[in-house]
N, C-alpha and C. Protein backbone atom coordinates (compact mmCIF):
# COMPACT_ATOMS: atom_id res chain seq x y z
N MET A 1 -20.89 -2.88 8.31
CA MET A 1 -21.46 -2.76 9.65
C MET A 1 -22.41 -1.57 9.69
N SER A 2 -23.50 -1.76 10.40
CA SER A 2 -24.48 -0.67 10.48
C SER A 2 -23.91 0.54 11.23
N LEU A 3 -22.95 0.33 12.13
CA LEU A 3 -22.34 1.44 12.84
C LEU A 3 -21.70 2.40 11.85
N ALA A 4 -20.97 1.87 10.89
CA ALA A 4 -20.31 2.71 9.88
C ALA A 4 -21.34 3.45 9.03
N LEU A 5 -22.41 2.77 8.66
CA LEU A 5 -23.47 3.43 7.89
C LEU A 5 -24.13 4.54 8.70
N ASN A 6 -24.34 4.29 9.98
CA ASN A 6 -24.96 5.30 10.85
C ASN A 6 -24.08 6.53 10.98
N ILE A 7 -22.78 6.32 11.12
CA ILE A 7 -21.87 7.46 11.23
C ILE A 7 -21.80 8.20 9.90
N ALA A 8 -21.78 7.47 8.80
CA ALA A 8 -21.79 8.11 7.48
C ALA A 8 -23.05 8.97 7.32
N ASP A 9 -24.20 8.44 7.74
CA ASP A 9 -25.44 9.22 7.68
C ASP A 9 -25.35 10.47 8.55
N ALA A 10 -24.71 10.36 9.70
CA ALA A 10 -24.55 11.51 10.59
C ALA A 10 -23.65 12.57 9.96
N VAL A 11 -22.62 12.15 9.25
CA VAL A 11 -21.75 13.09 8.55
C VAL A 11 -22.54 13.81 7.45
N VAL A 12 -23.35 13.06 6.70
CA VAL A 12 -24.19 13.66 5.67
C VAL A 12 -25.12 14.70 6.29
N ALA A 13 -25.75 14.35 7.40
CA ALA A 13 -26.67 15.30 8.06
C ALA A 13 -25.92 16.55 8.50
N GLU A 14 -24.72 16.37 9.01
CA GLU A 14 -23.92 17.51 9.47
C GLU A 14 -23.59 18.44 8.30
N LEU A 15 -23.16 17.86 7.20
CA LEU A 15 -22.81 18.67 6.02
C LEU A 15 -24.03 19.38 5.45
N ASN A 16 -25.15 18.66 5.39
CA ASN A 16 -26.34 19.22 4.74
C ASN A 16 -27.09 20.22 5.60
N THR A 17 -26.78 20.29 6.89
CA THR A 17 -27.43 21.28 7.76
C THR A 17 -26.48 22.41 8.14
N ALA A 18 -25.35 22.49 7.46
CA ALA A 18 -24.41 23.59 7.72
C ALA A 18 -25.09 24.91 7.36
N PRO A 19 -24.76 25.96 8.06
CA PRO A 19 -25.37 27.27 7.75
C PRO A 19 -25.11 27.68 6.30
N PRO A 20 -26.07 28.33 5.68
CA PRO A 20 -25.88 28.80 4.31
C PRO A 20 -24.60 29.63 4.21
N GLY A 21 -23.88 29.45 3.12
CA GLY A 21 -22.63 30.18 2.92
C GLY A 21 -21.41 29.50 3.50
N THR A 22 -21.59 28.38 4.20
CA THR A 22 -20.45 27.67 4.78
C THR A 22 -19.56 27.10 3.69
N PHE A 23 -20.17 26.60 2.62
CA PHE A 23 -19.43 25.96 1.55
C PHE A 23 -19.66 26.72 0.24
N ASP A 24 -18.58 26.93 -0.48
CA ASP A 24 -18.68 27.58 -1.79
C ASP A 24 -17.79 26.84 -2.77
N PRO A 25 -18.39 26.16 -3.75
CA PRO A 25 -19.80 26.16 -4.10
C PRO A 25 -20.63 25.30 -3.15
N ALA A 26 -21.92 25.61 -3.08
CA ALA A 26 -22.85 24.84 -2.24
C ALA A 26 -23.07 23.46 -2.86
N PHE A 27 -23.46 22.51 -2.03
CA PHE A 27 -23.69 21.14 -2.50
C PHE A 27 -24.66 20.44 -1.55
N THR A 28 -25.14 19.30 -1.98
CA THR A 28 -25.90 18.40 -1.13
C THR A 28 -25.12 17.09 -1.06
N ALA A 29 -24.68 16.74 0.14
CA ALA A 29 -23.94 15.49 0.33
C ALA A 29 -24.91 14.32 0.29
N VAL A 30 -24.44 13.19 -0.22
CA VAL A 30 -25.25 11.97 -0.31
C VAL A 30 -24.42 10.80 0.19
N ARG A 31 -25.04 9.98 1.06
CA ARG A 31 -24.35 8.75 1.49
C ARG A 31 -24.56 7.71 0.41
N ARG A 32 -23.49 7.09 0.03
CA ARG A 32 -23.54 6.06 -1.00
C ARG A 32 -22.78 4.83 -0.53
N VAL A 33 -23.22 3.66 -0.99
CA VAL A 33 -22.46 2.44 -0.72
C VAL A 33 -21.54 2.13 -1.90
N LEU A 34 -21.87 2.66 -3.07
CA LEU A 34 -21.04 2.47 -4.26
C LEU A 34 -21.04 3.78 -5.05
N PRO A 35 -20.03 4.61 -4.84
CA PRO A 35 -20.00 5.92 -5.49
C PRO A 35 -19.46 5.84 -6.92
N VAL A 36 -20.24 5.25 -7.81
CA VAL A 36 -19.83 5.11 -9.20
C VAL A 36 -20.77 5.96 -10.05
N PHE A 37 -20.18 6.78 -10.91
CA PHE A 37 -20.96 7.67 -11.75
C PHE A 37 -20.51 7.52 -13.19
N ASP A 38 -21.42 7.79 -14.10
CA ASP A 38 -21.08 7.89 -15.50
C ASP A 38 -20.41 9.26 -15.69
N LEU A 39 -19.42 9.32 -16.54
CA LEU A 39 -18.69 10.56 -16.74
C LEU A 39 -19.61 11.71 -17.17
N THR A 40 -20.69 11.39 -17.86
CA THR A 40 -21.63 12.43 -18.29
C THR A 40 -22.35 13.08 -17.11
N GLU A 41 -22.41 12.40 -15.97
CA GLU A 41 -23.06 12.94 -14.76
C GLU A 41 -22.14 13.85 -13.97
N MET A 42 -20.86 13.87 -14.32
CA MET A 42 -19.88 14.53 -13.48
C MET A 42 -19.75 16.03 -13.71
N ALA A 43 -20.52 16.59 -14.63
CA ALA A 43 -20.49 18.05 -14.81
C ALA A 43 -20.98 18.73 -13.54
N ASP A 44 -21.89 18.06 -12.82
CA ASP A 44 -22.38 18.57 -11.54
C ASP A 44 -21.42 18.14 -10.44
N LEU A 45 -21.29 18.97 -9.41
CA LEU A 45 -20.46 18.65 -8.26
C LEU A 45 -21.09 17.51 -7.47
N HIS A 46 -20.29 16.49 -7.14
CA HIS A 46 -20.75 15.36 -6.33
C HIS A 46 -19.94 15.32 -5.03
N VAL A 47 -20.65 15.27 -3.91
CA VAL A 47 -20.02 15.06 -2.61
C VAL A 47 -20.64 13.79 -2.05
N SER A 48 -19.85 12.71 -2.07
CA SER A 48 -20.33 11.38 -1.68
C SER A 48 -19.68 10.97 -0.37
N VAL A 49 -20.50 10.49 0.55
CA VAL A 49 -20.02 10.03 1.85
C VAL A 49 -20.16 8.52 1.86
N VAL A 50 -19.03 7.83 2.11
CA VAL A 50 -18.97 6.39 1.97
C VAL A 50 -18.27 5.77 3.19
N PRO A 51 -18.89 4.79 3.84
CA PRO A 51 -18.19 4.08 4.91
C PRO A 51 -16.95 3.39 4.33
N ARG A 52 -15.83 3.46 5.05
CA ARG A 52 -14.58 2.90 4.53
C ARG A 52 -14.09 1.69 5.31
N ALA A 53 -14.01 1.83 6.64
CA ALA A 53 -13.43 0.74 7.44
C ALA A 53 -13.83 0.89 8.90
N VAL A 54 -13.76 -0.23 9.61
CA VAL A 54 -13.98 -0.24 11.06
C VAL A 54 -12.85 -1.04 11.68
N ASP A 55 -12.20 -0.46 12.68
CA ASP A 55 -11.14 -1.14 13.42
C ASP A 55 -11.62 -1.28 14.86
N ILE A 56 -11.65 -2.51 15.36
CA ILE A 56 -12.16 -2.77 16.71
C ILE A 56 -11.00 -3.22 17.59
N ALA A 57 -10.88 -2.58 18.75
CA ALA A 57 -9.83 -2.93 19.70
C ALA A 57 -10.43 -2.93 21.10
N GLY A 58 -9.74 -3.57 22.02
CA GLY A 58 -10.19 -3.57 23.41
C GLY A 58 -9.96 -2.21 24.04
N ALA A 59 -10.94 -1.74 24.78
CA ALA A 59 -10.82 -0.47 25.50
C ALA A 59 -10.69 -0.73 27.00
N THR A 60 -11.55 -1.60 27.51
CA THR A 60 -11.50 -2.04 28.90
C THR A 60 -11.80 -3.54 28.88
N ARG A 61 -11.94 -4.11 30.04
CA ARG A 61 -12.29 -5.53 30.07
C ARG A 61 -13.67 -5.82 29.51
N THR A 62 -14.53 -4.84 29.58
CA THR A 62 -15.91 -5.08 29.15
C THR A 62 -16.35 -4.24 27.94
N ALA A 63 -15.48 -3.37 27.47
CA ALA A 63 -15.87 -2.48 26.36
C ALA A 63 -14.87 -2.55 25.22
N SER A 64 -15.36 -2.32 24.04
CA SER A 64 -14.51 -2.28 22.85
C SER A 64 -14.50 -0.86 22.28
N GLN A 65 -13.41 -0.55 21.61
CA GLN A 65 -13.25 0.74 20.95
C GLN A 65 -13.38 0.52 19.45
N TYR A 66 -14.29 1.24 18.82
CA TYR A 66 -14.54 1.14 17.39
C TYR A 66 -14.02 2.41 16.72
N ASP A 67 -13.02 2.29 15.88
CA ASP A 67 -12.56 3.41 15.08
C ASP A 67 -13.15 3.23 13.69
N VAL A 68 -14.02 4.15 13.31
CA VAL A 68 -14.77 4.05 12.06
C VAL A 68 -14.25 5.12 11.10
N GLN A 69 -13.84 4.66 9.92
CA GLN A 69 -13.36 5.58 8.89
C GLN A 69 -14.48 5.82 7.87
N ILE A 70 -14.63 7.08 7.53
CA ILE A 70 -15.63 7.52 6.56
C ILE A 70 -14.91 8.33 5.49
N ASP A 71 -15.14 7.99 4.22
CA ASP A 71 -14.58 8.76 3.12
C ASP A 71 -15.60 9.76 2.60
N ILE A 72 -15.11 10.94 2.27
CA ILE A 72 -15.92 11.93 1.58
C ILE A 72 -15.22 12.21 0.26
N GLY A 73 -15.89 11.86 -0.82
CA GLY A 73 -15.35 12.11 -2.15
C GLY A 73 -15.94 13.39 -2.72
N ILE A 74 -15.06 14.26 -3.20
CA ILE A 74 -15.48 15.50 -3.83
C ILE A 74 -15.05 15.39 -5.29
N GLN A 75 -16.03 15.39 -6.21
CA GLN A 75 -15.73 15.14 -7.62
C GLN A 75 -16.52 16.07 -8.52
N GLN A 76 -15.85 16.50 -9.58
CA GLN A 76 -16.53 17.27 -10.62
C GLN A 76 -15.68 17.28 -11.88
N LYS A 77 -16.34 17.09 -13.01
CA LYS A 77 -15.66 17.20 -14.30
C LYS A 77 -15.45 18.68 -14.57
N LEU A 78 -14.23 19.03 -14.92
CA LEU A 78 -13.91 20.43 -15.16
C LEU A 78 -14.27 20.81 -16.59
N ALA A 79 -14.71 22.02 -16.75
CA ALA A 79 -15.14 22.49 -18.06
C ALA A 79 -13.94 22.58 -19.00
N SER A 80 -14.09 22.04 -20.19
CA SER A 80 -13.00 22.10 -21.16
C SER A 80 -12.79 23.52 -21.66
N ASP A 81 -13.85 24.33 -21.62
CA ASP A 81 -13.72 25.72 -22.04
C ASP A 81 -13.65 26.66 -20.84
N GLY A 82 -13.52 26.08 -19.64
CA GLY A 82 -13.53 26.87 -18.42
C GLY A 82 -12.17 27.39 -18.00
N GLY A 83 -11.20 27.28 -18.86
CA GLY A 83 -9.89 27.81 -18.52
C GLY A 83 -8.91 26.73 -18.13
N ASP A 84 -7.80 27.18 -17.69
CA ASP A 84 -6.67 26.36 -17.32
C ASP A 84 -6.96 25.56 -16.04
N LEU A 85 -6.44 24.33 -15.99
CA LEU A 85 -6.60 23.52 -14.77
C LEU A 85 -6.05 24.24 -13.54
N ASP A 86 -4.97 25.01 -13.75
CA ASP A 86 -4.36 25.73 -12.63
C ASP A 86 -5.27 26.82 -12.07
N GLN A 87 -6.33 27.16 -12.81
CA GLN A 87 -7.31 28.12 -12.31
C GLN A 87 -8.52 27.41 -11.72
N GLN A 88 -8.90 26.25 -12.27
CA GLN A 88 -10.12 25.55 -11.84
C GLN A 88 -9.89 24.69 -10.59
N VAL A 89 -8.76 24.01 -10.53
CA VAL A 89 -8.50 23.08 -9.43
C VAL A 89 -8.45 23.80 -8.07
N PRO A 90 -7.80 24.96 -7.95
CA PRO A 90 -7.77 25.62 -6.64
C PRO A 90 -9.14 25.94 -6.06
N VAL A 91 -10.13 26.20 -6.90
CA VAL A 91 -11.49 26.49 -6.41
C VAL A 91 -12.05 25.26 -5.69
N LEU A 92 -11.88 24.09 -6.29
CA LEU A 92 -12.38 22.87 -5.66
C LEU A 92 -11.52 22.45 -4.47
N CYS A 93 -10.22 22.72 -4.54
CA CYS A 93 -9.35 22.46 -3.37
C CYS A 93 -9.79 23.30 -2.18
N GLU A 94 -10.22 24.52 -2.45
CA GLU A 94 -10.72 25.39 -1.38
C GLU A 94 -11.98 24.79 -0.76
N LEU A 95 -12.86 24.22 -1.58
CA LEU A 95 -14.06 23.56 -1.06
C LEU A 95 -13.66 22.38 -0.17
N VAL A 96 -12.69 21.60 -0.59
CA VAL A 96 -12.20 20.48 0.23
C VAL A 96 -11.70 21.00 1.57
N ASP A 97 -10.95 22.09 1.55
CA ASP A 97 -10.46 22.70 2.80
C ASP A 97 -11.61 23.17 3.68
N GLN A 98 -12.66 23.73 3.07
CA GLN A 98 -13.82 24.19 3.84
C GLN A 98 -14.52 23.02 4.53
N ILE A 99 -14.69 21.91 3.80
CA ILE A 99 -15.33 20.73 4.38
C ILE A 99 -14.48 20.19 5.52
N ALA A 100 -13.16 20.11 5.30
CA ALA A 100 -12.25 19.61 6.33
C ALA A 100 -12.31 20.48 7.58
N ALA A 101 -12.25 21.79 7.40
CA ALA A 101 -12.29 22.70 8.54
C ALA A 101 -13.61 22.59 9.28
N TYR A 102 -14.70 22.44 8.55
CA TYR A 102 -16.03 22.36 9.16
C TYR A 102 -16.18 21.10 10.01
N LEU A 103 -15.66 19.99 9.54
CA LEU A 103 -15.85 18.72 10.26
C LEU A 103 -14.80 18.45 11.34
N THR A 104 -13.67 19.14 11.29
CA THR A 104 -12.62 18.90 12.27
C THR A 104 -13.12 19.21 13.68
N ARG A 105 -13.05 18.21 14.54
CA ARG A 105 -13.46 18.28 15.95
C ARG A 105 -14.95 18.56 16.15
N ARG A 106 -15.75 18.46 15.09
CA ARG A 106 -17.19 18.74 15.19
C ARG A 106 -17.91 17.53 15.80
N VAL A 107 -18.80 17.80 16.72
CA VAL A 107 -19.67 16.78 17.29
C VAL A 107 -20.79 16.52 16.29
N LEU A 108 -21.00 15.26 15.95
CA LEU A 108 -22.09 14.90 15.04
C LEU A 108 -23.39 14.95 15.82
N GLN A 109 -24.30 15.82 15.42
CA GLN A 109 -25.52 16.05 16.19
C GLN A 109 -26.38 14.80 16.32
N THR A 110 -26.41 13.95 15.29
CA THR A 110 -27.24 12.75 15.37
C THR A 110 -26.50 11.56 15.96
N MET A 111 -25.20 11.71 16.22
CA MET A 111 -24.41 10.64 16.87
C MET A 111 -23.36 11.29 17.79
N PRO A 112 -23.80 11.94 18.85
CA PRO A 112 -22.86 12.68 19.69
C PRO A 112 -21.84 11.79 20.42
N ASN A 113 -22.09 10.48 20.47
CA ASN A 113 -21.13 9.59 21.12
C ASN A 113 -19.98 9.21 20.19
N ALA A 114 -20.05 9.59 18.92
CA ALA A 114 -18.95 9.36 17.97
C ALA A 114 -17.98 10.52 18.10
N ILE A 115 -16.78 10.22 18.56
CA ILE A 115 -15.79 11.26 18.83
C ILE A 115 -14.85 11.39 17.63
N TRP A 116 -14.70 12.62 17.12
CA TRP A 116 -13.78 12.88 16.02
C TRP A 116 -12.37 12.58 16.49
N VAL A 117 -11.62 11.83 15.67
CA VAL A 117 -10.24 11.48 16.01
C VAL A 117 -9.25 12.14 15.07
N ARG A 118 -9.49 12.00 13.76
CA ARG A 118 -8.54 12.56 12.79
C ARG A 118 -9.22 12.73 11.44
N LEU A 119 -8.51 13.47 10.58
CA LEU A 119 -8.95 13.69 9.22
C LEU A 119 -7.72 13.68 8.33
N ALA A 120 -7.81 12.98 7.21
CA ALA A 120 -6.71 12.95 6.23
C ALA A 120 -7.29 13.31 4.87
N ASN A 121 -6.45 13.92 4.02
CA ASN A 121 -6.86 14.27 2.66
C ASN A 121 -5.90 13.59 1.69
N ASP A 122 -6.31 12.41 1.20
CA ASP A 122 -5.46 11.63 0.31
C ASP A 122 -6.32 10.90 -0.71
N PRO A 123 -6.25 11.27 -1.96
CA PRO A 123 -5.38 12.29 -2.52
C PRO A 123 -5.98 13.69 -2.37
N ILE A 124 -5.09 14.68 -2.34
CA ILE A 124 -5.55 16.07 -2.35
C ILE A 124 -6.34 16.27 -3.63
N TYR A 125 -5.81 15.75 -4.71
CA TYR A 125 -6.55 15.57 -5.96
C TYR A 125 -5.85 14.47 -6.73
N ALA A 126 -6.60 13.74 -7.54
CA ALA A 126 -6.05 12.61 -8.28
C ALA A 126 -5.53 13.10 -9.63
N PRO A 127 -4.21 13.15 -9.81
CA PRO A 127 -3.65 13.64 -11.08
C PRO A 127 -4.11 12.83 -12.30
N GLU A 128 -4.26 11.51 -12.10
CA GLU A 128 -4.67 10.67 -13.24
C GLU A 128 -6.09 10.99 -13.68
N HIS A 129 -6.96 11.40 -12.74
CA HIS A 129 -8.32 11.80 -13.12
C HIS A 129 -8.28 13.13 -13.89
N LEU A 130 -7.40 14.03 -13.45
CA LEU A 130 -7.28 15.30 -14.16
C LEU A 130 -6.76 15.10 -15.57
N SER A 131 -5.72 14.28 -15.71
CA SER A 131 -5.11 14.12 -17.03
C SER A 131 -5.94 13.26 -17.98
N GLN A 132 -6.56 12.21 -17.47
CA GLN A 132 -7.29 11.28 -18.33
C GLN A 132 -8.76 11.66 -18.52
N LEU A 133 -9.39 12.18 -17.48
CA LEU A 133 -10.83 12.46 -17.53
C LEU A 133 -11.18 13.94 -17.43
N ARG A 134 -10.17 14.74 -17.11
CA ARG A 134 -10.39 16.17 -16.80
C ARG A 134 -11.42 16.30 -15.67
N GLN A 135 -11.24 15.44 -14.68
CA GLN A 135 -12.15 15.40 -13.54
C GLN A 135 -11.36 15.61 -12.25
N PHE A 136 -11.87 16.50 -11.41
CA PHE A 136 -11.30 16.72 -10.09
C PHE A 136 -11.84 15.65 -9.16
N THR A 137 -10.96 14.96 -8.46
CA THR A 137 -11.35 13.97 -7.45
C THR A 137 -10.45 14.16 -6.23
N SER A 138 -11.07 14.40 -5.09
CA SER A 138 -10.35 14.52 -3.83
C SER A 138 -11.08 13.68 -2.79
N VAL A 139 -10.33 13.11 -1.86
CA VAL A 139 -10.94 12.26 -0.83
C VAL A 139 -10.48 12.70 0.55
N LEU A 140 -11.46 12.98 1.39
CA LEU A 140 -11.21 13.22 2.82
C LEU A 140 -11.56 11.93 3.56
N THR A 141 -10.70 11.49 4.45
CA THR A 141 -11.00 10.32 5.28
C THR A 141 -11.07 10.79 6.73
N LEU A 142 -12.27 10.63 7.31
CA LEU A 142 -12.49 11.00 8.71
C LEU A 142 -12.48 9.74 9.56
N THR A 143 -11.97 9.85 10.77
CA THR A 143 -12.02 8.75 11.72
C THR A 143 -12.77 9.22 12.96
N TYR A 144 -13.79 8.42 13.32
CA TYR A 144 -14.56 8.67 14.53
C TYR A 144 -14.42 7.47 15.44
N ARG A 145 -14.44 7.71 16.74
CA ARG A 145 -14.27 6.64 17.74
C ARG A 145 -15.50 6.54 18.62
N ILE A 146 -15.94 5.29 18.80
CA ILE A 146 -17.05 4.99 19.71
C ILE A 146 -16.59 3.87 20.62
N THR A 147 -16.86 4.02 21.89
CA THR A 147 -16.56 2.96 22.85
C THR A 147 -17.89 2.40 23.35
N ARG A 148 -18.00 1.07 23.28
CA ARG A 148 -19.22 0.44 23.78
C ARG A 148 -18.93 -1.00 24.18
């Protein structure tokens, strides 16, 4: 649905216009419809915003309520010579926390009628990606509500 794509684009705009120093390490978020990367590309930090789901319910006799879920994937291959996973993973977990805190209850400037409802972090990090690929992968799922 174009509504989900529009909200995903609004989330990207919000992340990319955050004041300098808001996120450490800094990144440029990108909206993607298929966030698939070659492992060789993962040395760089990737923040991908992807529409996930739309749930439509009745709000009034004439209006519907749209709950739109947006995933934000935070991914990076960890350096094999960069030390212990127990030292590298917390740095990226902190970035996930910064993104979550920044977007919680934030009005999307390009879609102010989309109301923030909730945010979930599942997985906090994917253990199988760490063990098999030495890659950090975390997913934030945001839910925004629009009534129309």
